[in-house]
C-alpha atoms as a PDB file:
ATOM      1  CA  MET A   1      65.274  89.456  74.910  1.00  0.00           C
ATOM      2  CA  GLY A   2      67.895  91.922  76.146  1.00  0.00           C
ATOM      3  CA  MET A   3      71.593  91.295  76.001  1.00  0.00           C
ATOM      4  CA  ALA A   4      73.275  90.077  79.187  1.00  0.00           C
ATOM      5  CA  ILE A   5      75.427  92.594  81.037  1.00  0.00           C
ATOM      6  CA  ASP A   6      79.134  91.755  80.927  1.00  0.00           C
ATOM      7  CA  ARG A   7      79.856  92.662  84.540  1.00  0.00           C
ATOM      8  CA  GLU A   8      83.414  91.421  84.431  1.00  0.00           C
ATOM      9  CA  ALA A   9      84.209  93.809  81.591  1.00  0.00           C
ATOM     10  CA  GLN A  10      82.672  96.768  83.435  1.00  0.00           C
ATOM     11  CA  LEU A  11      83.957  95.997  86.933  1.00  0.00           C
ATOM     12  CA  PRO A  12      86.617  93.273  86.952  1.00  0.00           C
ATOM     13  CA  THR A  13      86.462  91.002  89.998  1.00  0.00           C
ATOM     14  CA  ALA A  14      88.086  87.748  88.850  1.00  0.00           C
ATOM     15  CA  TRP A  15      91.483  88.767  90.279  1.00  0.00           C
ATOM     16  CA  LEU A  16      90.321  88.762  93.908  1.00  0.00           C
ATOM     17  CA  PRO A  17      90.641  85.021  94.722  1.00  0.00           C
ATOM     18  CA  ALA A  18      94.252  84.912  93.496  1.00  0.00           C
ATOM     19  CA  LEU A  19      95.174  88.044  95.422  1.00  0.00           C
ATOM     20  CA  ALA A  20      93.553  86.710  98.587  1.00  0.00           C
ATOM     21  CA  GLN A  21      95.423  83.428  98.205  1.00  0.00           C
ATOM     22  CA  ALA A  22      98.715  85.284  97.785  1.00  0.00           C
ATOM     23  CA  HIS A  23      98.070  86.969 101.140  1.00  0.00           C
ATOM     24  CA  HIS A  24      96.906  83.753 102.845  1.00  0.00           C
ATOM     25  CA  ALA A  25      93.453  85.269 103.195  1.00  0.00           C
ATOM     26  CA  GLN A  26      89.900  84.157 102.502  1.00  0.00           C
ATOM     27  CA  VAL A  27      87.514  86.001 100.227  1.00  0.00           C
ATOM     28  CA  GLU A  28      83.758  85.970  99.773  1.00  0.00           C
ATOM     29  CA  GLY A  29      82.314  88.007  96.932  1.00  0.00           C
ATOM     30  CA  ARG A  30      78.836  88.310  95.470  1.00  0.00           C
ATOM     31  CA  TRP A  31      76.718  90.458  93.199  1.00  0.00           C
ATOM     32  CA  ASP A  32      73.471  92.053  94.326  1.00  0.00           C
ATOM     33  CA  GLY A  33      71.946  93.402  91.146  1.00  0.00           C
ATOM     34  CA  ASN A  34      74.478  95.887  89.779  1.00  0.00           C
ATOM     35  CA  ASP A  35      76.391  96.119  93.058  1.00  0.00           C
ATOM     36  CA  TYR A  36      79.329  93.936  94.058  1.00  0.00           C
ATOM     37  CA  ARG A  37      80.705  93.338  97.535  1.00  0.00           C
ATOM     38  CA  ALA A  38      83.737  91.301  98.547  1.00  0.00           C
ATOM     39  CA  VAL A  39      85.053  90.655 102.049  1.00  0.00           C
ATOM     40  CA  VAL A  40      88.688  89.570 102.321  1.00  0.00           C
ATOM     41  CA  ALA A  41      89.830  88.319 105.731  1.00  0.00           C
ATOM     42  CA  GLY A  42      93.375  87.555 106.787  1.00  0.00           C
ATOM     43  CA  ALA A  43      95.933  88.152 109.518  1.00  0.00           C
ATOM     44  CA  TYR A  44      99.289  89.889 109.774  1.00  0.00           C
ATOM     45  CA  ARG A  45     101.600  89.401 112.752  1.00  0.00           C
ATOM     46  CA  GLN A  46      98.717  87.556 114.440  1.00  0.00           C
ATOM     47  CA  LEU A  47      96.475  90.607 114.039  1.00  0.00           C
ATOM     48  CA  PRO A  48      93.266  89.766 112.133  1.00  0.00           C
ATOM     49  CA  TRP A  49      92.285  92.201 109.405  1.00  0.00           C
ATOM     50  CA  GLN A  50      89.244  92.503 107.171  1.00  0.00           C
ATOM     51  CA  LEU A  51      88.988  94.307 103.846  1.00  0.00           C
ATOM     52  CA  THR A  52      85.479  95.128 102.602  1.00  0.00           C
ATOM     53  CA  MET A  53      85.282  96.173  98.957  1.00  0.00           C
ATOM     54  CA  ASP A  54      82.246  97.658  97.223  1.00  0.00           C
ATOM     55  CA  GLY A  55      81.933  98.272  93.495  1.00  0.00           C
ATOM     56  CA  HIS A  56      79.076  99.262  91.199  1.00  0.00           C
ATOM     57  CA  LEU A  57      78.348  98.951  87.504  1.00  0.00           C
ATOM     58  CA  ASP A  58      76.915 102.470  87.590  1.00  0.00           C
ATOM     59  CA  THR A  59      80.036 104.613  87.202  1.00  0.00           C
ATOM     60  CA  ASP A  60      78.379 107.520  89.014  1.00  0.00           C
ATOM     61  CA  TYR A  61      79.009 105.568  92.224  1.00  0.00           C
ATOM     62  CA  PRO A  62      82.598 105.300  93.483  1.00  0.00           C
ATOM     63  CA  ALA A  63      84.247 101.980  94.217  1.00  0.00           C
ATOM     64  CA  THR A  64      85.340 101.866  97.858  1.00  0.00           C
ATOM     65  CA  SER A  65      87.409  99.673 100.140  1.00  0.00           C
ATOM     66  CA  VAL A  66      87.691  99.671 103.918  1.00  0.00           C
ATOM     67  CA  LEU A  67      90.472  97.735 105.655  1.00  0.00           C
ATOM     68  CA  ARG A  68      89.997  97.363 109.414  1.00  0.00           C
ATOM     69  CA  CYS A  69      92.373  95.937 111.982  1.00  0.00           C
ATOM     70  CA  GLU A  70      92.155  96.006 115.773  1.00  0.00           C
ATOM     71  CA  THR A  71      95.644  96.531 117.191  1.00  0.00           C
ATOM     72  CA  PRO A  72      97.203  96.767 120.670  1.00  0.00           C
ATOM     73  CA  PHE A  73      99.032  99.968 119.735  1.00  0.00           C
ATOM     74  CA  PRO A  74      98.309 103.237 121.588  1.00  0.00           C
ATOM     75  CA  GLY A  75      98.384 106.700 120.115  1.00  0.00           C
ATOM     76  CA  SER A  76      96.762 108.096 117.028  1.00  0.00           C
ATOM     77  CA  LEU A  77      97.593 109.126 113.506  1.00  0.00           C
ATOM     78  CA  SER A  78      95.700 110.286 110.460  1.00  0.00           C
ATOM     79  CA  VAL A  79      96.799 110.696 106.858  1.00  0.00           C
ATOM     80  CA  GLY A  80      94.712 111.333 103.767  1.00  0.00           C
ATOM     81  CA  SER A  81      95.355 111.820 100.072  1.00  0.00           C
ATOM     82  CA  GLY A  82      93.288 112.997  97.148  1.00  0.00           C
ATOM     83  CA  ASP A  83      90.666 115.655  96.655  1.00  0.00           C
ATOM     84  CA  ARG A  84      88.680 116.647  99.706  1.00  0.00           C
ATOM     85  CA  ALA A  85      85.697 118.902 100.181  1.00  0.00           C
ATOM     86  CA  PRO A  86      86.884 122.415 100.997  1.00  0.00           C
ATOM     87  CA  ARG A  87      86.899 123.212 104.696  1.00  0.00           C
ATOM     88  CA  THR A  88      87.391 126.826 105.608  1.00  0.00           C
ATOM     89  CA  THR A  89      86.529 129.180 108.423  1.00  0.00           C
ATOM     90  CA  GLY A  90      86.694 132.157 106.104  1.00  0.00           C
ATOM     91  CA  THR A  91      89.622 133.633 108.011  1.00  0.00           C
ATOM     92  CA  GLU A  92      93.354 133.920 107.535  1.00  0.00           C
ATOM     93  CA  LEU A  93      93.811 131.171 110.141  1.00  0.00           C
ATOM     94  CA  ASP A  94      93.205 128.570 107.442  1.00  0.00           C
ATOM     95  CA  VAL A  95      96.272 129.763 105.558  1.00  0.00           C
ATOM     96  CA  VAL A  96      98.341 129.679 108.746  1.00  0.00           C
ATOM     97  CA  PHE A  97      97.251 126.111 109.540  1.00  0.00           C
ATOM     98  CA  ALA A  98      98.079 124.978 106.000  1.00  0.00           C
ATOM     99  CA  VAL A  99     101.559 126.508 106.139  1.00  0.00           C
ATOM    100  CA  VAL A 100     102.303 125.023 109.563  1.00  0.00           C
ATOM    101  CA  SER A 101     101.115 121.584 108.451  1.00  0.00           C
ATOM    102  CA  ALA A 102     103.257 121.680 105.305  1.00  0.00           C
ATOM    103  CA  ALA A 103     106.304 122.843 107.260  1.00  0.00           C
ATOM    104  CA  ARG A 104     105.872 120.103 109.855  1.00  0.00           C
ATOM    105  CA  THR A 105     105.650 117.470 107.140  1.00  0.00           C
ATOM    106  CA  TRP A 106     108.744 118.836 105.410  1.00  0.00           C
ATOM    107  CA  TRP A 107     110.852 118.817 108.577  1.00  0.00           C
ATOM    108  CA  ARG A 108     109.723 115.322 109.478  1.00  0.00           C
ATOM    109  CA  GLY A 109     110.792 114.113 106.039  1.00  0.00           C
ATOM    110  CA  ARG A 110     114.190 115.798 106.351  1.00  0.00           C
ATOM    111  CA  GLY A 111     114.823 114.322 109.770  1.00  0.00           C
ATOM    112  CA  ARG A 112     114.054 110.767 108.682  1.00  0.00           C
ATOM    113  CA  GLY A 113     114.810 110.414 105.047  1.00  0.00           C
ATOM    114  CA  SER A 114     117.655 112.784 104.201  1.00  0.00           C
ATOM    115  CA  SER A 115     121.229 111.534 104.135  1.00  0.00           C
ATOM    116  CA  SER A 116     122.594 114.985 103.371  1.00  0.00           C
ATOM    117  CA  SER A 117     124.340 116.829 106.198  1.00  0.00           C
ATOM    118  CA  GLY A 118     124.852 120.078 104.325  1.00  0.00           C
ATOM    119  CA  GLY A 119     121.273 121.291 104.347  1.00  0.00           C
ATOM    120  CA  GLU A 120     121.016 121.197 100.549  1.00  0.00           C
ATOM    121  CA  ALA A 121     117.576 121.674  99.050  1.00  0.00           C
ATOM    122  CA  SER A 122     115.976 118.613  97.503  1.00  0.00           C
ATOM    123  CA  ASP A 123     115.058 118.439  93.814  1.00  0.00           C
ATOM    124  CA  GLY A 124     111.353 118.062  94.567  1.00  0.00           C
ATOM    125  CA  PRO A 125     108.767 118.195  97.332  1.00  0.00           C
ATOM    126  CA  ALA A 126     109.410 116.016 100.363  1.00  0.00           C
ATOM    127  CA  PRO A 127     107.369 112.801 100.657  1.00  0.00           C
ATOM    128  CA  GLY A 128     104.044 113.603 102.241  1.00  0.00           C
ATOM    129  CA  ALA A 129     103.930 117.194 101.014  1.00  0.00           C
ATOM    130  CA  SER A 130     100.549 116.683  99.322  1.00  0.00           C
ATOM    131  CA  LEU A 131      99.007 114.694 102.177  1.00  0.00           C
ATOM    132  CA  GLU A 132      96.722 115.824 104.951  1.00  0.00           C
ATOM    133  CA  LEU A 133      98.818 114.532 107.843  1.00  0.00           C
ATOM    134  CA  ASP A 134      98.494 114.287 111.606  1.00  0.00           C
ATOM    135  CA  ASP A 135     101.222 112.028 112.999  1.00  0.00           C
ATOM    136  CA  PRO A 136     102.175 113.423 116.426  1.00  0.00           C
ATOM    137  CA  ASP A 137     104.428 110.473 117.297  1.00  0.00           C
ATOM    138  CA  GLY A 138     106.289 110.529 113.979  1.00  0.00           C
ATOM    139  CA  VAL A 139     105.414 106.925 113.131  1.00  0.00           C
ATOM    140  CA  LEU A 140     105.212 107.216 109.356  1.00  0.00           C
ATOM    141  CA  THR A 141     108.446 107.218 107.368  1.00  0.00           C
ATOM    142  CA  PRO A 142     109.048 109.184 104.150  1.00  0.00           C
ATOM    143  CA  GLU A 143     108.893 105.877 102.261  1.00  0.00           C
ATOM    144  CA  VAL A 144     105.402 105.107 103.527  1.00  0.00           C
ATOM    145  CA  LEU A 145     104.259 108.692 103.002  1.00  0.00           C
ATOM    146  CA  GLY A 146     105.459 108.473  99.417  1.00  0.00           C
ATOM    147  CA  GLN A 147     103.444 105.300  98.880  1.00  0.00           C
ATOM    148  CA  LEU A 148     100.355 106.970 100.316  1.00  0.00           C
ATOM    149  CA  GLU A 149     100.803 109.791  97.807  1.00  0.00           C
ATOM    150  CA  HIS A 150     101.385 107.625  94.740  1.00  0.00           C
ATOM    151  CA  TRP A 151      98.963 104.801  93.975  1.00  0.00           C
ATOM    152  CA  PRO A 152      98.892 102.353  91.064  1.00  0.00           C
ATOM    153  CA  THR A 153      96.478 103.083  88.244  1.00  0.00           C
ATOM    154  CA  SER A 154      92.951 101.794  88.770  1.00  0.00           C
ATOM    155  CA  SER A 155      91.809  99.001  86.453  1.00  0.00           C
ATOM    156  CA  HIS A 156      88.442 100.630  85.836  1.00  0.00           C
ATOM    157  CA  THR A 157      87.027 104.076  85.203  1.00  0.00           C
ATOM    158  CA  ARG A 158      84.455 105.996  87.186  1.00  0.00           C
ATOM    159  CA  SER A 159      82.626 109.115  86.073  1.00  0.00           C
ATOM    160  CA  ASN A 160      83.955 112.612  86.629  1.00  0.00           C
ATOM    161  CA  LEU A 161      81.819 112.822  89.753  1.00  0.00           C
ATOM    162  CA  ASN A 162      84.449 110.789  91.595  1.00  0.00           C
ATOM    163  CA  ARG A 163      88.067 111.421  92.563  1.00  0.00           C
ATOM    164  CA  ASP A 164      90.740 109.046  93.872  1.00  0.00           C
ATOM    165  CA  ARG A 165      91.066 109.301  97.639  1.00  0.00           C
ATOM    166  CA  SER A 166      92.619 107.379 100.496  1.00  0.00           C
ATOM    167  CA  SER A 167      92.577 107.713 104.272  1.00  0.00           C
ATOM    168  CA  LEU A 168      94.508 105.877 106.978  1.00  0.00           C
ATOM    169  CA  ARG A 169      93.637 106.412 110.634  1.00  0.00           C
ATOM    170  CA  LEU A 170      94.693 104.896 113.949  1.00  0.00           C
ATOM    171  CA  SER A 171      92.477 105.702 116.923  1.00  0.00           C
ATOM    172  CA  TYR A 172      91.974 103.757 120.171  1.00  0.00           C
ATOM    173  CA  GLY A 173      93.840 100.815 118.655  1.00  0.00           C
ATOM    174  CA  ALA A 174      91.614 100.582 115.582  1.00  0.00           C
ATOM    175  CA  LEU A 175      93.462 100.994 112.285  1.00  0.00           C
ATOM    176  CA  VAL A 176      91.131 101.889 109.404  1.00  0.00           C
ATOM    177  CA  PHE A 177      92.501 102.273 105.869  1.00  0.00           C
ATOM    178  CA  THR A 178      90.050 103.339 103.158  1.00  0.00           C
ATOM    179  CA  THR A 179      90.204 104.022  99.433  1.00  0.00           C
ATOM    180  CA  GLU A 180      87.680 105.589  97.110  1.00  0.00           C
ATOM    181  CA  ASN A 181      87.402 105.356  93.322  1.00  0.00           C
ATOM    182  CA  MET A 182      90.331 102.920  93.033  1.00  0.00           C
ATOM    183  CA  TRP A 183      89.957  99.288  91.984  1.00  0.00           C
ATOM    184  CA  GLY A 184      92.073  96.387  90.830  1.00  0.00           C
ATOM    185  CA  PRO A 185      94.819  93.949  91.879  1.00  0.00           C
ATOM    186  CA  ALA A 186      97.618  96.517  91.855  1.00  0.00           C
ATOM    187  CA  VAL A 187      95.610  98.968  93.974  1.00  0.00           C
ATOM    188  CA  THR A 188      94.604  96.363  96.557  1.00  0.00           C
ATOM    189  CA  ALA A 189      98.096  94.861  96.724  1.00  0.00           C
ATOM    190  CA  HIS A 190      99.427  98.386  97.322  1.00  0.00           C
ATOM    191  CA  GLN A 191      96.872  98.991 100.078  1.00  0.00           C
ATOM    192  CA  LEU A 192      97.802  95.750 101.839  1.00  0.00           C
ATOM    193  CA  ALA A 193     101.537  96.444 101.474  1.00  0.00           C
ATOM    194  CA  VAL A 194     101.187  99.893 103.060  1.00  0.00           C
ATOM    195  CA  PHE A 195      99.039  98.412 105.832  1.00  0.00           C
ATOM    196  CA  ARG A 196     101.716  95.830 106.672  1.00  0.00           C
ATOM    197  CA  GLN A 197     104.433  98.496 106.756  1.00  0.00           C
ATOM    198  CA  VAL A 198     102.390 100.662 109.114  1.00  0.00           C
ATOM    199  CA  ILE A 199     101.895  97.688 111.459  1.00  0.00           C
ATOM    200  CA  ASP A 200     105.658  97.058 111.351  1.00  0.00           C
ATOM    201  CA  LEU A 201     106.368 100.706 112.191  1.00  0.00           C
ATOM    202  CA  LEU A 202     103.910 100.699 115.091  1.00  0.00           C
ATOM    203  CA  GLU A 203     105.427  97.488 116.413  1.00  0.00           C
ATOM    204  CA  ALA A 204     108.950  98.913 116.109  1.00  0.00           C
ATOM    205  CA  ARG A 205     107.901 102.014 118.032  1.00  0.00           C
ATOM    206  CA  GLU A 206     106.598  99.876 120.904  1.00  0.00           C
ATOM    207  CA  ALA A 207     109.861  97.882 120.988  1.00  0.00           C
ATOM    208  CA  ARG A 208     112.020 100.970 121.585  1.00  0.00           C
END
């Protein structure tokens, strides 16, 4: 008779009910063989949201989460962090696009987050410098960009086949916030906190 698999030791899930309760949300989670899925449903500022989380005992598969929220807000934005598959046209245009994107991010950070009036250089890169960013309306603040760059440590380990990634997109009113290869109460609390701040920023923009 084989030994029982200690799933909780390999992919901790017991923290989800308490986290959902702290956010006045409901959670349903279940195992299907070696795969785990949880759906957390709540609301923020009367906007329903749903967070679907998938984890696997096989560490060659990444843990993923997808937070979806239908909003009344127009416009679009896209921001991603972490390793991405290389995308290149094989021309010098790729370098130009990268430089322009970095410069745009840097100037946006200066305009919003800097209290210096003397044009002094900062001690480090501006928030958002490592992100892949498309925010034409300038919704995201340096504080939020910094949180999208720096995530809490995951409470479990995947294989070297996987890298930590996140992506937040607003398109046609649908806000979709995903993570890959990150798991645990601190990670999910961080994801929900960033989500709430983005909703606040979108709402503030509409109130202007």
